[in-house]
Amino acid sequence: MWMATPKRGNSVIQHRIVLASAAGLVCAFLLAACDSMNGGASGTSAVGVAPVTSAPAASAPVGGGASGSGQTASTVTVRAEAVKGGGSVVTDGTGATLYRYDRDRPHPSRWTCAGACVKTWIPVIVSDSVQTVGVEKSLLGTVHRNGRKQLTLGGWPLYRYVGDTGAGQLNGQGKGGQWYAVTPAGGKAAVTG
């Protein structure tokens, strides 16, 4: 014979579900608040040939890999390339120019490009290893970015520009008076696009 569950039992279960849902929301808001108070940036690391470590906010050898979509790849290559207009800039393995942003900070590394900014200026995210050609490996590092690692050069976080659609383009050079192709030493390139 089937019997209905008393209404009091249903209200206890519903009350517990509501409390659990509220607790989950509070946790989500606290995590988001901590990330935004943090400025989106945490520690930095040097890039080497060792596997990625999970040392929080401390310098440690890590590897790197990147792709323009913000997804990680197993290996990224950074190379010094001579460009039209004089000078040398750093590119990735596909020949895409890498940029630095004047509002970011190099020591300690800190990124400020977030939200709509990263739709135009795509962070170079790394995971496994970095190969270099004409760029001193000791100048490479990473900065924590939303649970991932963004490649840095001379402490400056690196980005790709969506307006560069082919190898060797410098369409982002001087944008807003704050975006510059990066030199192999981490400086601002003085080339004209």
N, C-alpha and C. Protein backbone atom coordinates (compact mmCIF):
# COMPACT_ATOMS: atom_id res chain seq x y z
N MET A 1 0.83 -1.17 0.00
CA MET A 1 0.00 0.00 0.00
C MET A 1 0.88 1.25 0.00
N TRP A 2 0.57 2.19 -0.88
CA TRP A 2 1.38 3.40 -1.04
C TRP A 2 0.87 4.49 -0.11
N MET A 3 1.82 5.23 0.51
CA MET A 3 1.41 6.32 1.41
C MET A 3 2.14 7.58 0.98
N ALA A 4 1.49 8.68 1.00
CA ALA A 4 2.09 9.96 0.65
C ALA A 4 3.04 10.40 1.75
N THR A 5 4.14 11.05 1.34
CA THR A 5 5.09 11.58 2.30
C THR A 5 4.47 12.79 2.98
N PRO A 6 4.64 12.91 4.26
CA PRO A 6 4.05 14.07 4.94
C PRO A 6 4.60 15.37 4.37
N LYS A 7 3.78 16.39 4.38
CA LYS A 7 4.16 17.69 3.81
C LYS A 7 5.34 18.29 4.57
N ARG A 8 5.45 18.06 5.85
CA ARG A 8 6.55 18.60 6.63
C ARG A 8 7.89 18.08 6.09
N GLY A 9 7.97 16.81 5.71
CA GLY A 9 9.19 16.25 5.16
C GLY A 9 9.59 16.92 3.84
N ASN A 10 8.62 17.21 2.99
CA ASN A 10 8.90 17.89 1.73
C ASN A 10 9.45 19.28 1.97
N SER A 11 8.92 19.99 2.94
CA SER A 11 9.39 21.35 3.17
C SER A 11 10.82 21.36 3.72
N VAL A 12 11.19 20.33 4.50
CA VAL A 12 12.56 20.22 5.01
C VAL A 12 13.52 20.00 3.86
N ILE A 13 13.15 19.11 2.94
CA ILE A 13 14.01 18.84 1.78
C ILE A 13 14.12 20.09 0.91
N GLN A 14 13.02 20.77 0.66
CA GLN A 14 13.05 21.99 -0.15
C GLN A 14 13.90 23.06 0.54
N HIS A 15 13.79 23.17 1.87
CA HIS A 15 14.56 24.16 2.62
C HIS A 15 16.07 23.88 2.47
N ARG A 16 16.45 22.58 2.54
CA ARG A 16 17.86 22.21 2.40
C ARG A 16 18.37 22.51 0.99
N ILE A 17 17.54 22.28 -0.02
CA ILE A 17 17.93 22.57 -1.41
C ILE A 17 18.16 24.06 -1.58
N VAL A 18 17.26 24.87 -1.02
CA VAL A 18 17.40 26.33 -1.11
C VAL A 18 18.68 26.78 -0.41
N LEU A 19 18.94 26.24 0.79
CA LEU A 19 20.16 26.62 1.52
C LEU A 19 21.42 26.21 0.76
N ALA A 20 21.43 25.03 0.18
CA ALA A 20 22.60 24.57 -0.60
C ALA A 20 22.81 25.45 -1.83
N SER A 21 21.74 25.82 -2.49
CA SER A 21 21.85 26.70 -3.67
C SER A 21 22.38 28.07 -3.27
N ALA A 22 21.88 28.61 -2.16
CA ALA A 22 22.34 29.92 -1.69
C ALA A 22 23.82 29.87 -1.32
N ALA A 23 24.24 28.80 -0.67
CA ALA A 23 25.65 28.66 -0.31
C ALA A 23 26.53 28.61 -1.56
N GLY A 24 26.07 27.91 -2.58
CA GLY A 24 26.84 27.86 -3.84
C GLY A 24 26.97 29.21 -4.49
N LEU A 25 25.90 29.98 -4.50
CA LEU A 25 25.94 31.33 -5.07
C LEU A 25 26.89 32.23 -4.29
N VAL A 26 26.84 32.16 -2.96
CA VAL A 26 27.73 32.97 -2.12
C VAL A 26 29.18 32.64 -2.44
N CYS A 27 29.50 31.34 -2.56
CA CYS A 27 30.88 30.93 -2.90
C CYS A 27 31.31 31.49 -4.25
N ALA A 28 30.41 31.41 -5.23
CA ALA A 28 30.74 31.92 -6.57
C ALA A 28 31.01 33.42 -6.53
N PHE A 29 30.19 34.18 -5.80
CA PHE A 29 30.39 35.63 -5.70
C PHE A 29 31.69 35.95 -4.98
N LEU A 30 32.02 35.20 -3.91
CA LEU A 30 33.26 35.44 -3.19
C LEU A 30 34.48 35.16 -4.06
N LEU A 31 34.44 34.08 -4.83
CA LEU A 31 35.56 33.77 -5.72
C LEU A 31 35.73 34.85 -6.78
N ALA A 32 34.63 35.32 -7.34
CA ALA A 32 34.71 36.39 -8.34
C ALA A 32 35.25 37.67 -7.73
N ALA A 33 34.82 37.98 -6.51
CA ALA A 33 35.29 39.20 -5.84
C ALA A 33 36.78 39.11 -5.55
N CYS A 34 37.25 37.94 -5.11
CA CYS A 34 38.67 37.77 -4.84
C CYS A 34 39.49 37.97 -6.11
N ASP A 35 39.02 37.43 -7.24
CA ASP A 35 39.74 37.57 -8.50
C ASP A 35 39.80 39.03 -8.94
N SER A 36 38.68 39.76 -8.80
CA SER A 36 38.69 41.15 -9.25
C SER A 36 39.50 42.03 -8.31
N MET A 37 39.52 41.73 -7.00
CA MET A 37 40.34 42.50 -6.06
C MET A 37 41.81 42.25 -6.34
N ASN A 38 42.11 41.08 -6.84
CA ASN A 38 43.46 40.68 -7.16
C ASN A 38 43.97 41.40 -8.40
N GLY A 39 43.10 42.09 -9.13
CA GLY A 39 43.50 42.75 -10.36
C GLY A 39 43.72 41.77 -11.48
N GLY A 40 43.31 40.52 -11.26
CA GLY A 40 43.44 39.53 -12.31
C GLY A 40 44.84 38.97 -12.42
N ALA A 41 45.77 39.47 -11.64
CA ALA A 41 47.14 39.02 -11.79
C ALA A 41 47.63 38.42 -10.50
N SER A 42 48.42 37.40 -10.60
CA SER A 42 49.06 36.86 -9.42
C SER A 42 50.54 36.76 -9.70
N GLY A 43 51.17 35.69 -9.31
CA GLY A 43 52.62 35.62 -9.37
C GLY A 43 53.19 35.45 -10.75
N THR A 44 54.51 35.48 -10.79
CA THR A 44 55.23 35.32 -12.05
C THR A 44 56.18 34.15 -11.93
N SER A 45 56.59 33.64 -13.06
CA SER A 45 57.52 32.52 -13.11
C SER A 45 58.46 32.70 -14.29
N ALA A 46 59.60 32.07 -14.21
CA ALA A 46 60.51 32.05 -15.35
C ALA A 46 60.13 30.89 -16.25
N VAL A 47 60.39 31.02 -17.53
CA VAL A 47 60.07 29.94 -18.46
C VAL A 47 61.33 29.16 -18.74
N GLY A 48 61.26 27.86 -18.60
CA GLY A 48 62.39 27.00 -18.86
C GLY A 48 61.95 25.76 -19.58
N VAL A 49 62.69 24.68 -19.41
CA VAL A 49 62.34 23.45 -20.08
C VAL A 49 61.68 22.45 -19.15
N ALA A 50 61.56 22.78 -17.88
CA ALA A 50 60.94 21.86 -16.93
C ALA A 50 59.44 21.83 -17.13
N PRO A 51 58.75 20.77 -16.66
CA PRO A 51 57.30 20.73 -16.79
C PRO A 51 56.64 21.81 -15.96
N VAL A 52 55.38 22.13 -16.29
CA VAL A 52 54.63 23.16 -15.57
C VAL A 52 54.48 22.74 -14.13
N THR A 53 54.74 23.67 -13.22
CA THR A 53 54.53 23.41 -11.80
C THR A 53 53.35 24.22 -11.33
N SER A 54 52.86 23.91 -10.15
CA SER A 54 51.69 24.62 -9.66
C SER A 54 52.02 25.49 -8.46
N ALA A 55 53.22 26.02 -8.39
CA ALA A 55 53.59 26.89 -7.29
C ALA A 55 52.81 28.19 -7.38
N PRO A 56 51.99 28.51 -6.38
CA PRO A 56 51.18 29.70 -6.46
C PRO A 56 51.99 30.96 -6.21
N ALA A 57 51.89 31.91 -7.09
CA ALA A 57 52.45 33.25 -6.95
C ALA A 57 53.93 33.27 -6.62
N ALA A 58 54.67 32.24 -6.98
CA ALA A 58 56.08 32.23 -6.69
C ALA A 58 56.84 31.90 -7.97
N SER A 59 58.09 32.32 -8.02
CA SER A 59 58.88 32.00 -9.19
C SER A 59 59.25 30.54 -9.17
N ALA A 60 59.07 29.90 -10.32
CA ALA A 60 59.42 28.48 -10.45
C ALA A 60 59.59 28.18 -11.92
N PRO A 61 60.47 27.24 -12.28
CA PRO A 61 60.60 26.90 -13.68
C PRO A 61 59.30 26.32 -14.22
N VAL A 62 58.90 26.79 -15.38
CA VAL A 62 57.72 26.26 -16.05
C VAL A 62 58.01 26.20 -17.52
N GLY A 63 57.17 25.53 -18.24
CA GLY A 63 57.28 25.51 -19.70
C GLY A 63 56.19 26.39 -20.25
N GLY A 64 55.96 26.36 -21.55
CA GLY A 64 54.90 27.16 -22.13
C GLY A 64 54.51 26.68 -23.50
N GLY A 65 53.26 26.96 -23.89
CA GLY A 65 52.73 26.69 -25.21
C GLY A 65 51.62 27.69 -25.43
N ALA A 66 51.27 28.06 -26.65
CA ALA A 66 50.26 29.08 -26.83
C ALA A 66 49.58 28.96 -28.16
N SER A 67 48.45 29.61 -28.25
CA SER A 67 47.76 29.77 -29.52
C SER A 67 46.99 31.06 -29.46
N GLY A 68 46.69 31.66 -30.58
CA GLY A 68 45.99 32.93 -30.63
C GLY A 68 44.58 32.86 -30.11
N SER A 69 43.96 31.70 -30.04
CA SER A 69 42.59 31.59 -29.58
C SER A 69 42.48 31.62 -28.08
N GLY A 70 43.60 31.72 -27.36
CA GLY A 70 43.56 31.68 -25.92
C GLY A 70 43.61 30.25 -25.40
N GLN A 71 43.58 29.25 -26.28
CA GLN A 71 43.71 27.87 -25.87
C GLN A 71 45.19 27.54 -25.85
N THR A 72 45.55 26.58 -25.01
CA THR A 72 46.96 26.25 -24.91
C THR A 72 47.37 25.24 -25.96
N ALA A 73 48.61 25.30 -26.35
CA ALA A 73 49.20 24.33 -27.26
C ALA A 73 50.39 23.73 -26.55
N SER A 74 50.90 22.62 -27.04
CA SER A 74 51.98 21.96 -26.32
C SER A 74 53.30 22.72 -26.42
N THR A 75 53.56 23.41 -27.51
CA THR A 75 54.81 24.15 -27.66
C THR A 75 54.53 25.46 -28.36
N VAL A 76 55.19 26.52 -27.90
CA VAL A 76 55.12 27.80 -28.59
C VAL A 76 56.55 28.19 -28.95
N THR A 77 56.69 28.85 -30.06
CA THR A 77 58.00 29.33 -30.49
C THR A 77 57.96 30.85 -30.51
N VAL A 78 58.97 31.47 -29.94
CA VAL A 78 59.12 32.92 -30.06
C VAL A 78 60.45 33.16 -30.75
N ARG A 79 60.41 34.09 -31.70
CA ARG A 79 61.63 34.35 -32.47
C ARG A 79 61.77 35.84 -32.75
N ALA A 80 63.01 36.26 -32.89
CA ALA A 80 63.31 37.64 -33.29
C ALA A 80 63.25 37.70 -34.80
N GLU A 81 62.53 38.67 -35.33
CA GLU A 81 62.39 38.83 -36.78
C GLU A 81 62.71 40.27 -37.16
N ALA A 82 63.51 40.46 -38.20
CA ALA A 82 63.75 41.79 -38.75
C ALA A 82 62.48 42.21 -39.48
N VAL A 83 62.08 43.48 -39.30
CA VAL A 83 60.85 43.95 -39.93
C VAL A 83 61.11 45.18 -40.79
N LYS A 84 60.20 45.36 -41.73
CA LYS A 84 60.26 46.56 -42.59
C LYS A 84 60.08 47.77 -41.68
N GLY A 85 60.86 48.79 -41.88
CA GLY A 85 60.81 49.96 -41.02
C GLY A 85 61.95 49.96 -40.02
N GLY A 86 62.78 48.91 -40.06
CA GLY A 86 63.95 48.85 -39.20
C GLY A 86 63.66 48.14 -37.89
N GLY A 87 64.68 47.60 -37.32
CA GLY A 87 64.55 46.98 -36.02
C GLY A 87 64.16 45.52 -36.08
N SER A 88 63.99 44.97 -34.90
CA SER A 88 63.66 43.58 -34.74
C SER A 88 62.51 43.48 -33.75
N VAL A 89 61.54 42.61 -34.04
CA VAL A 89 60.41 42.37 -33.15
C VAL A 89 60.31 40.88 -32.88
N VAL A 90 59.52 40.53 -31.88
CA VAL A 90 59.31 39.13 -31.53
C VAL A 90 58.01 38.66 -32.17
N THR A 91 58.08 37.47 -32.76
CA THR A 91 56.89 36.84 -33.37
C THR A 91 56.72 35.46 -32.77
N ASP A 92 55.55 34.88 -33.01
CA ASP A 92 55.33 33.49 -32.59
C ASP A 92 55.73 32.57 -33.73
N GLY A 93 55.46 31.29 -33.58
CA GLY A 93 55.85 30.30 -34.58
C GLY A 93 55.17 30.47 -35.92
N THR A 94 54.03 31.18 -35.97
CA THR A 94 53.34 31.41 -37.24
C THR A 94 53.75 32.72 -37.88
N GLY A 95 54.63 33.47 -37.22
CA GLY A 95 55.07 34.76 -37.74
C GLY A 95 54.22 35.92 -37.26
N ALA A 96 53.24 35.66 -36.38
CA ALA A 96 52.40 36.74 -35.84
C ALA A 96 53.20 37.58 -34.85
N THR A 97 53.14 38.90 -35.02
CA THR A 97 53.86 39.82 -34.15
C THR A 97 53.28 39.76 -32.74
N LEU A 98 54.16 39.80 -31.74
CA LEU A 98 53.73 39.84 -30.34
C LEU A 98 53.89 41.26 -29.81
N TYR A 99 52.94 41.66 -28.97
CA TYR A 99 52.86 43.04 -28.47
C TYR A 99 52.90 43.09 -26.96
N ARG A 100 53.26 44.28 -26.45
CA ARG A 100 53.18 44.59 -25.02
C ARG A 100 52.31 45.82 -24.84
N TYR A 101 51.75 45.98 -23.65
CA TYR A 101 50.79 47.04 -23.34
C TYR A 101 51.37 47.92 -22.24
N ASP A 102 51.41 49.24 -22.48
CA ASP A 102 52.01 50.16 -21.51
C ASP A 102 51.32 50.17 -20.15
N ARG A 103 50.05 49.80 -20.09
CA ARG A 103 49.36 49.79 -18.79
C ARG A 103 49.70 48.57 -17.95
N ASP A 104 50.25 47.52 -18.57
CA ASP A 104 50.72 46.37 -17.82
C ASP A 104 51.99 46.77 -17.07
N ARG A 105 52.45 45.92 -16.19
CA ARG A 105 53.68 46.18 -15.44
C ARG A 105 54.63 45.00 -15.56
N PRO A 106 55.96 45.28 -15.64
CA PRO A 106 56.92 44.19 -15.80
C PRO A 106 57.48 43.61 -14.50
N HIS A 107 57.59 44.40 -13.44
CA HIS A 107 58.29 43.93 -12.23
C HIS A 107 57.54 44.32 -10.97
N PRO A 108 56.71 43.47 -10.39
CA PRO A 108 56.42 42.12 -10.87
C PRO A 108 55.46 42.19 -12.05
N SER A 109 55.47 41.13 -12.83
CA SER A 109 54.60 41.08 -14.01
C SER A 109 53.14 41.21 -13.58
N ARG A 110 52.41 42.08 -14.30
CA ARG A 110 50.99 42.29 -13.98
C ARG A 110 50.27 42.68 -15.26
N TRP A 111 49.20 41.97 -15.59
CA TRP A 111 48.40 42.27 -16.77
C TRP A 111 47.20 43.11 -16.37
N THR A 112 46.80 44.01 -17.26
CA THR A 112 45.62 44.85 -17.01
C THR A 112 44.60 44.73 -18.12
N CYS A 113 44.96 44.15 -19.25
CA CYS A 113 44.03 43.97 -20.37
C CYS A 113 43.08 42.84 -20.01
N ALA A 114 41.79 43.18 -19.85
CA ALA A 114 40.78 42.19 -19.46
C ALA A 114 39.46 42.55 -20.13
N GLY A 115 38.48 41.69 -20.04
CA GLY A 115 37.15 41.95 -20.59
C GLY A 115 37.19 42.11 -22.10
N ALA A 116 36.62 43.22 -22.58
CA ALA A 116 36.57 43.48 -24.03
C ALA A 116 37.97 43.61 -24.63
N CYS A 117 38.93 44.05 -23.83
CA CYS A 117 40.31 44.22 -24.32
C CYS A 117 40.87 42.93 -24.90
N VAL A 118 40.61 41.78 -24.25
CA VAL A 118 41.20 40.52 -24.71
C VAL A 118 40.52 39.97 -25.97
N LYS A 119 39.46 40.62 -26.43
CA LYS A 119 38.87 40.23 -27.71
C LYS A 119 39.68 40.82 -28.85
N THR A 120 40.37 41.91 -28.59
CA THR A 120 41.22 42.56 -29.59
C THR A 120 42.69 42.18 -29.40
N TRP A 121 43.10 42.09 -28.16
CA TRP A 121 44.49 41.79 -27.81
C TRP A 121 44.49 40.44 -27.09
N ILE A 122 44.88 39.40 -27.80
CA ILE A 122 44.75 38.03 -27.30
C ILE A 122 46.00 37.64 -26.50
N PRO A 123 45.82 37.33 -25.21
CA PRO A 123 46.97 36.92 -24.39
C PRO A 123 47.64 35.68 -24.96
N VAL A 124 48.96 35.63 -24.89
CA VAL A 124 49.72 34.45 -25.31
C VAL A 124 49.77 33.50 -24.11
N ILE A 125 48.94 32.46 -24.15
CA ILE A 125 48.83 31.50 -23.06
C ILE A 125 49.77 30.33 -23.34
N VAL A 126 50.50 29.89 -22.31
CA VAL A 126 51.47 28.81 -22.47
C VAL A 126 51.17 27.67 -21.51
N SER A 127 51.64 26.47 -21.91
CA SER A 127 51.45 25.33 -21.01
C SER A 127 52.67 24.42 -20.92
N ASP A 128 53.27 24.03 -22.01
CA ASP A 128 54.32 23.01 -21.93
C ASP A 128 55.74 23.52 -22.13
N SER A 129 56.10 23.88 -23.35
CA SER A 129 57.49 24.28 -23.58
C SER A 129 57.55 25.48 -24.52
N VAL A 130 58.64 26.22 -24.41
CA VAL A 130 58.86 27.38 -25.26
C VAL A 130 60.19 27.19 -25.97
N GLN A 131 60.17 27.35 -27.29
CA GLN A 131 61.40 27.33 -28.07
C GLN A 131 61.70 28.76 -28.46
N THR A 132 62.96 29.12 -28.50
CA THR A 132 63.34 30.49 -28.85
C THR A 132 64.34 30.48 -30.00
N VAL A 133 64.23 31.52 -30.83
CA VAL A 133 65.19 31.77 -31.89
C VAL A 133 65.50 33.26 -31.84
N GLY A 134 66.69 33.61 -31.41
CA GLY A 134 67.08 35.02 -31.33
C GLY A 134 66.50 35.77 -30.14
N VAL A 135 65.87 35.06 -29.22
CA VAL A 135 65.32 35.67 -28.00
C VAL A 135 65.95 34.94 -26.82
N GLU A 136 66.51 35.69 -25.88
CA GLU A 136 67.16 35.10 -24.73
C GLU A 136 66.13 34.42 -23.83
N LYS A 137 66.26 33.11 -23.67
CA LYS A 137 65.28 32.33 -22.91
C LYS A 137 65.15 32.80 -21.46
N SER A 138 66.23 33.33 -20.90
CA SER A 138 66.19 33.79 -19.51
C SER A 138 65.28 35.00 -19.32
N LEU A 139 64.93 35.70 -20.42
CA LEU A 139 64.04 36.86 -20.33
C LEU A 139 62.56 36.46 -20.36
N LEU A 140 62.29 35.18 -20.66
CA LEU A 140 60.91 34.71 -20.71
C LEU A 140 60.42 34.29 -19.34
N GLY A 141 59.14 34.44 -19.12
CA GLY A 141 58.50 34.02 -17.88
C GLY A 141 57.01 33.91 -18.10
N THR A 142 56.27 33.81 -17.01
CA THR A 142 54.81 33.77 -17.10
C THR A 142 54.21 34.57 -15.97
N VAL A 143 52.97 34.97 -16.16
CA VAL A 143 52.18 35.60 -15.11
C VAL A 143 50.86 34.85 -15.07
N HIS A 144 50.37 34.60 -13.87
CA HIS A 144 49.11 33.87 -13.72
C HIS A 144 47.96 34.70 -14.26
N ARG A 145 47.09 34.06 -15.04
CA ARG A 145 45.95 34.75 -15.65
C ARG A 145 44.74 33.81 -15.61
N ASN A 146 43.87 34.04 -14.64
CA ASN A 146 42.62 33.26 -14.53
C ASN A 146 42.87 31.76 -14.58
N GLY A 147 43.82 31.29 -13.81
CA GLY A 147 44.11 29.86 -13.74
C GLY A 147 45.02 29.34 -14.83
N ARG A 148 45.47 30.22 -15.72
CA ARG A 148 46.39 29.82 -16.79
C ARG A 148 47.64 30.67 -16.68
N LYS A 149 48.59 30.45 -17.59
CA LYS A 149 49.84 31.21 -17.56
C LYS A 149 50.00 31.98 -18.87
N GLN A 150 50.20 33.29 -18.73
CA GLN A 150 50.44 34.14 -19.88
C GLN A 150 51.94 34.37 -20.00
N LEU A 151 52.45 34.22 -21.21
CA LEU A 151 53.87 34.39 -21.47
C LEU A 151 54.29 35.84 -21.28
N THR A 152 55.46 36.04 -20.67
CA THR A 152 56.02 37.38 -20.50
C THR A 152 57.42 37.42 -21.13
N LEU A 153 57.85 38.61 -21.52
CA LEU A 153 59.20 38.83 -22.03
C LEU A 153 59.73 40.08 -21.35
N GLY A 154 60.83 39.94 -20.64
CA GLY A 154 61.35 41.07 -19.87
C GLY A 154 60.34 41.51 -18.82
N GLY A 155 59.48 40.58 -18.40
CA GLY A 155 58.45 40.88 -17.41
C GLY A 155 57.13 41.33 -18.01
N TRP A 156 57.13 41.78 -19.27
CA TRP A 156 55.92 42.31 -19.90
C TRP A 156 55.04 41.18 -20.43
N PRO A 157 53.76 41.11 -20.03
CA PRO A 157 52.83 40.13 -20.60
C PRO A 157 52.71 40.34 -22.12
N LEU A 158 52.63 39.23 -22.88
CA LEU A 158 52.59 39.29 -24.34
C LEU A 158 51.21 38.99 -24.90
N TYR A 159 50.90 39.65 -26.04
CA TYR A 159 49.60 39.54 -26.69
C TYR A 159 49.79 39.45 -28.21
N ARG A 160 48.74 38.93 -28.87
CA ARG A 160 48.63 38.99 -30.33
C ARG A 160 47.51 39.98 -30.64
N TYR A 161 47.58 40.64 -31.78
CA TYR A 161 46.56 41.61 -32.19
C TYR A 161 45.66 40.98 -33.25
N VAL A 162 44.34 41.05 -33.07
CA VAL A 162 43.42 40.43 -34.03
C VAL A 162 43.48 41.09 -35.40
N GLY A 163 43.96 42.32 -35.46
CA GLY A 163 44.07 43.03 -36.73
C GLY A 163 45.23 42.57 -37.58
N ASP A 164 46.13 41.77 -37.02
CA ASP A 164 47.23 41.17 -37.78
C ASP A 164 46.72 39.85 -38.33
N THR A 165 46.47 39.81 -39.64
CA THR A 165 45.90 38.60 -40.23
C THR A 165 46.92 37.76 -40.99
N GLY A 166 48.16 38.24 -41.05
CA GLY A 166 49.21 37.50 -41.74
C GLY A 166 50.53 37.66 -41.03
N ALA A 167 51.46 36.80 -41.35
CA ALA A 167 52.79 36.84 -40.76
C ALA A 167 53.48 38.17 -41.05
N GLY A 168 54.18 38.69 -40.06
CA GLY A 168 54.98 39.90 -40.23
C GLY A 168 54.21 41.20 -40.21
N GLN A 169 52.91 41.18 -40.00
CA GLN A 169 52.14 42.42 -39.96
C GLN A 169 52.34 43.14 -38.62
N LEU A 170 52.26 44.47 -38.67
CA LEU A 170 52.42 45.30 -37.48
C LEU A 170 51.24 46.26 -37.34
N ASN A 171 50.03 45.78 -37.60
CA ASN A 171 48.85 46.65 -37.56
C ASN A 171 48.52 47.15 -36.16
N GLY A 172 49.05 46.50 -35.13
CA GLY A 172 48.79 46.95 -33.76
C GLY A 172 49.82 47.94 -33.24
N GLN A 173 50.89 48.17 -34.00
CA GLN A 173 51.97 49.04 -33.54
C GLN A 173 51.48 50.45 -33.26
N GLY A 174 51.65 50.90 -32.01
CA GLY A 174 51.30 52.26 -31.62
C GLY A 174 49.80 52.47 -31.37
N LYS A 175 48.97 51.42 -31.42
CA LYS A 175 47.52 51.57 -31.21
C LYS A 175 47.26 52.23 -29.86
N GLY A 176 46.43 53.26 -29.89
CA GLY A 176 46.06 53.96 -28.67
C GLY A 176 47.22 54.57 -27.94
N GLY A 177 48.38 54.65 -28.58
CA GLY A 177 49.57 55.19 -27.93
C GLY A 177 50.05 54.32 -26.77
N GLN A 178 49.56 53.04 -26.71
CA GLN A 178 49.93 52.19 -25.58
C GLN A 178 50.29 50.75 -25.96
N TRP A 179 50.11 50.38 -27.22
CA TRP A 179 50.41 49.03 -27.66
C TRP A 179 51.59 49.06 -28.62
N TYR A 180 52.60 48.24 -28.35
CA TYR A 180 53.80 48.23 -29.18
C TYR A 180 54.29 46.81 -29.41
N ALA A 181 54.79 46.58 -30.63
CA ALA A 181 55.48 45.31 -30.88
C ALA A 181 56.62 45.24 -29.88
N VAL A 182 56.91 44.04 -29.39
CA VAL A 182 57.93 43.87 -28.38
C VAL A 182 59.26 43.48 -29.05
N THR A 183 60.34 44.04 -28.53
CA THR A 183 61.68 43.71 -29.02
C THR A 183 62.17 42.43 -28.33
N PRO A 184 63.23 41.81 -28.85
CA PRO A 184 63.75 40.60 -28.21
C PRO A 184 64.22 40.82 -26.77
N ALA A 185 64.43 42.06 -26.36
CA ALA A 185 64.83 42.35 -24.97
C ALA A 185 63.63 42.73 -24.12
N GLY A 186 62.41 42.76 -24.69
CA GLY A 186 61.21 43.12 -23.94
C GLY A 186 60.82 44.58 -24.05
N GLY A 187 61.58 45.36 -24.82
CA GLY A 187 61.29 46.79 -24.97
C GLY A 187 60.24 47.06 -26.03
N LYS A 188 59.93 48.35 -26.21
CA LYS A 188 58.99 48.79 -27.25
C LYS A 188 59.73 48.88 -28.57
N ALA A 189 59.17 48.32 -29.60
CA ALA A 189 59.77 48.45 -30.93
C ALA A 189 59.50 49.85 -31.44
N ALA A 190 60.49 50.44 -32.07
CA ALA A 190 60.36 51.78 -32.61
C ALA A 190 60.03 51.77 -34.10
N VAL A 191 59.63 50.62 -34.61
CA VAL A 191 59.34 50.49 -36.04
C VAL A 191 57.99 51.09 -36.38
N THR A 192 57.83 51.48 -37.65
CA THR A 192 56.52 51.94 -38.12
C THR A 192 55.89 50.82 -38.92
N GLY A 193 54.57 50.63 -38.74
CA GLY A 193 53.89 49.50 -39.36
C GLY A 193 53.67 49.60 -40.79
